[in-house]
Protein backbone atom coordinates (compact mmCIF):
# COMPACT_ATOMS: atom_id res chain seq x y z
CA UNK A 1 21.58 -36.53 27.77
CA UNK A 2 18.46 -34.39 27.26
CA UNK A 3 17.20 -33.43 23.84
CA UNK A 4 18.67 -30.28 22.32
CA UNK A 5 16.00 -27.58 22.02
CA UNK A 6 16.64 -24.90 19.44
CA UNK A 7 14.65 -21.93 18.28
CA UNK A 8 14.65 -18.34 17.23
CA UNK A 9 12.76 -15.29 16.14
CA UNK A 10 10.78 -14.70 12.97
CA UNK A 11 13.58 -12.94 11.09
CA UNK A 12 16.37 -15.26 12.28
CA UNK A 13 18.47 -12.53 13.94
CA UNK A 14 18.15 -14.21 17.38
CA UNK A 15 18.73 -17.93 17.90
CA UNK A 16 18.88 -20.00 21.10
CA UNK A 17 19.61 -23.53 22.20
CA UNK A 18 19.61 -25.58 25.38
CA UNK A 19 19.82 -29.23 26.36
CA UNK A 20 18.88 -28.78 30.02
CA UNK A 21 15.92 -30.44 31.67
CA UNK A 22 13.01 -27.97 31.93
CA UNK A 23 12.29 -26.67 35.43
CA UNK A 24 8.68 -25.85 34.55
CA UNK A 25 6.48 -25.89 31.48
CA UNK A 26 2.95 -24.70 31.14
CA UNK A 27 0.38 -22.30 29.77
CA UNK A 28 -0.15 -18.97 31.52
CA UNK A 29 -3.60 -17.43 31.13
CA UNK A 30 -2.97 -14.20 33.08
CA UNK A 31 -4.09 -10.94 31.49
CA UNK A 32 -0.45 -9.83 31.10
CA UNK A 33 0.36 -12.93 29.04
CA UNK A 34 -2.82 -12.50 27.04
CA UNK A 35 -1.93 -8.90 26.21
CA UNK A 36 1.73 -9.54 25.47
CA UNK A 37 1.04 -12.59 23.28
CA UNK A 38 -2.11 -11.31 21.62
CA UNK A 39 -3.65 -14.71 22.34
CA UNK A 40 -5.52 -16.65 25.01
CA UNK A 41 -2.36 -17.71 26.85
CA UNK A 42 1.41 -17.92 26.68
CA UNK A 43 2.94 -21.40 26.39
CA UNK A 44 6.40 -21.37 28.01
CA UNK A 45 9.23 -23.64 29.07
CA UNK A 46 11.42 -22.40 31.92
CA UNK A 47 15.04 -23.56 31.86
CA UNK A 48 18.06 -22.77 34.07
CA UNK A 49 19.21 -19.49 32.51
CA UNK A 50 22.87 -20.52 32.44
CA UNK A 51 21.93 -23.51 30.25
CA UNK A 52 20.51 -21.36 27.43
CA UNK A 53 22.90 -20.14 24.74
CA UNK A 54 21.62 -17.06 22.90
CA UNK A 55 23.07 -15.71 19.66
CA UNK A 56 22.01 -12.20 18.60
CA UNK A 57 20.79 -9.10 20.37
CA UNK A 58 17.74 -9.27 22.62
CA UNK A 59 15.90 -6.25 24.00
CA UNK A 60 14.02 -6.60 27.31
CA UNK A 61 10.87 -4.82 28.47
CA UNK A 62 10.03 -4.85 32.20
CA UNK A 63 6.48 -4.71 33.56
CA UNK A 64 4.56 -5.72 36.66
CA UNK A 65 2.84 -9.10 36.38
CA UNK A 66 -0.63 -9.84 37.79
CA UNK A 67 1.16 -11.13 40.89
CA UNK A 68 2.83 -7.74 41.45
CA UNK A 69 6.25 -9.18 40.64
CA UNK A 70 8.44 -7.90 37.83
CA UNK A 71 8.56 -9.76 34.52
CA UNK A 72 11.12 -8.99 31.81
CA UNK A 73 10.10 -10.05 28.34
CA UNK A 74 12.85 -10.52 25.77
CA UNK A 75 12.20 -9.53 22.14
CA UNK A 76 14.10 -9.47 18.88
CA UNK A 77 14.66 -5.74 18.28
CA UNK A 78 14.40 -6.32 14.52
CA UNK A 79 11.17 -8.32 14.04
CA UNK A 80 9.59 -7.94 17.51
CA UNK A 81 9.21 -11.68 18.21
CA UNK A 82 8.79 -12.33 21.94
CA UNK A 83 11.31 -15.04 22.79
CA UNK A 84 12.10 -15.04 26.50
CA UNK A 85 10.82 -14.15 29.95
CA UNK A 86 12.55 -13.57 33.26
CA UNK A 87 10.24 -13.71 36.26
CA UNK A 88 11.17 -12.15 39.59
CA UNK A 89 9.43 -15.07 41.33
CA UNK A 90 11.57 -17.62 39.40
CA UNK A 91 15.14 -16.34 39.73
CA UNK A 92 17.86 -17.96 37.60
CA UNK A 93 15.29 -19.36 35.18
CA UNK A 94 14.67 -18.19 31.62
CA UNK A 95 11.31 -18.76 29.96
CA UNK A 96 11.36 -19.83 26.33
CA UNK A 97 8.21 -19.13 24.31
CA UNK A 98 7.07 -22.49 22.93
CA UNK A 99 6.05 -21.01 19.60
CA UNK A 100 9.65 -19.94 18.95
CA UNK A 101 10.99 -23.51 19.13
CA UNK A 102 12.16 -24.94 15.81
CA UNK A 103 9.98 -27.93 16.66
CA UNK A 104 6.98 -26.73 18.71
CA UNK A 105 6.16 -30.41 19.23
CA UNK A 106 8.97 -30.42 21.78
CA UNK A 107 6.73 -28.42 24.12
CA UNK A 108 4.93 -30.56 26.69
CA UNK A 109 2.94 -28.40 29.10
CA UNK A 110 2.49 -29.77 32.59
CA UNK A 111 -0.21 -27.34 33.84
CA UNK A 112 -2.34 -24.30 33.17
CA UNK A 113 -1.89 -21.33 35.50
CA UNK A 114 -3.93 -18.18 36.13
CA UNK A 115 -6.99 -19.95 34.80
CA UNK A 116 -9.22 -17.54 36.75
CA UNK A 117 -8.56 -15.02 33.96
CA UNK A 118 -8.71 -17.51 31.07
CA UNK A 119 -10.81 -16.54 28.06
CA UNK A 120 -14.20 -18.27 28.07
CA UNK A 121 -13.53 -19.51 24.51
CA UNK A 122 -10.20 -21.11 25.42
CA UNK A 123 -10.61 -24.89 25.60
CA UNK A 124 -7.85 -26.27 27.85
CA UNK A 125 -6.57 -29.81 27.88
CA UNK A 126 -8.73 -31.54 30.52
CA UNK A 127 -5.82 -33.82 31.49
CA UNK A 128 -3.62 -30.93 32.72
CA UNK A 129 -3.85 -29.56 36.25
CA UNK A 130 -5.39 -26.09 36.45
CA UNK A 131 -4.54 -23.39 38.95
CA UNK A 132 -6.69 -20.26 39.31
CA UNK A 133 -3.53 -18.28 40.18
CA UNK A 134 0.12 -19.31 40.51
CA UNK A 135 0.70 -22.79 41.95
CA UNK A 136 3.34 -21.17 44.17
CA UNK A 137 0.70 -18.99 45.77
CA UNK A 138 2.25 -15.77 44.42
């Protein structure tokens, strides 16, 4: 059995858990992720959406990603914490923001993507593969 991952928003109104094997984990350096996170990149773990149990109300905001595909970002409507992402190019997967995990040490990124738009002051792990865009070519 896989390890149970749990997490939630800043105010505690939204909680989630999953014990599925991640489909993808990495750091996205696209400008959209930089703007939405207010940081150099967004660390995320993508899980089969049906494996994630969510308690509480989540509000979603849709936008166009750098790839031109739609991305829906899920927030706590009370405190504004960004918790989830649904990507058009990754149907049936739900992205969990690594910083919202109860134990952020459970996040193990496998790659860096959209490194062409990475901040010059962002020092990436040299052991992780780097892709200037999406590794899927989208």
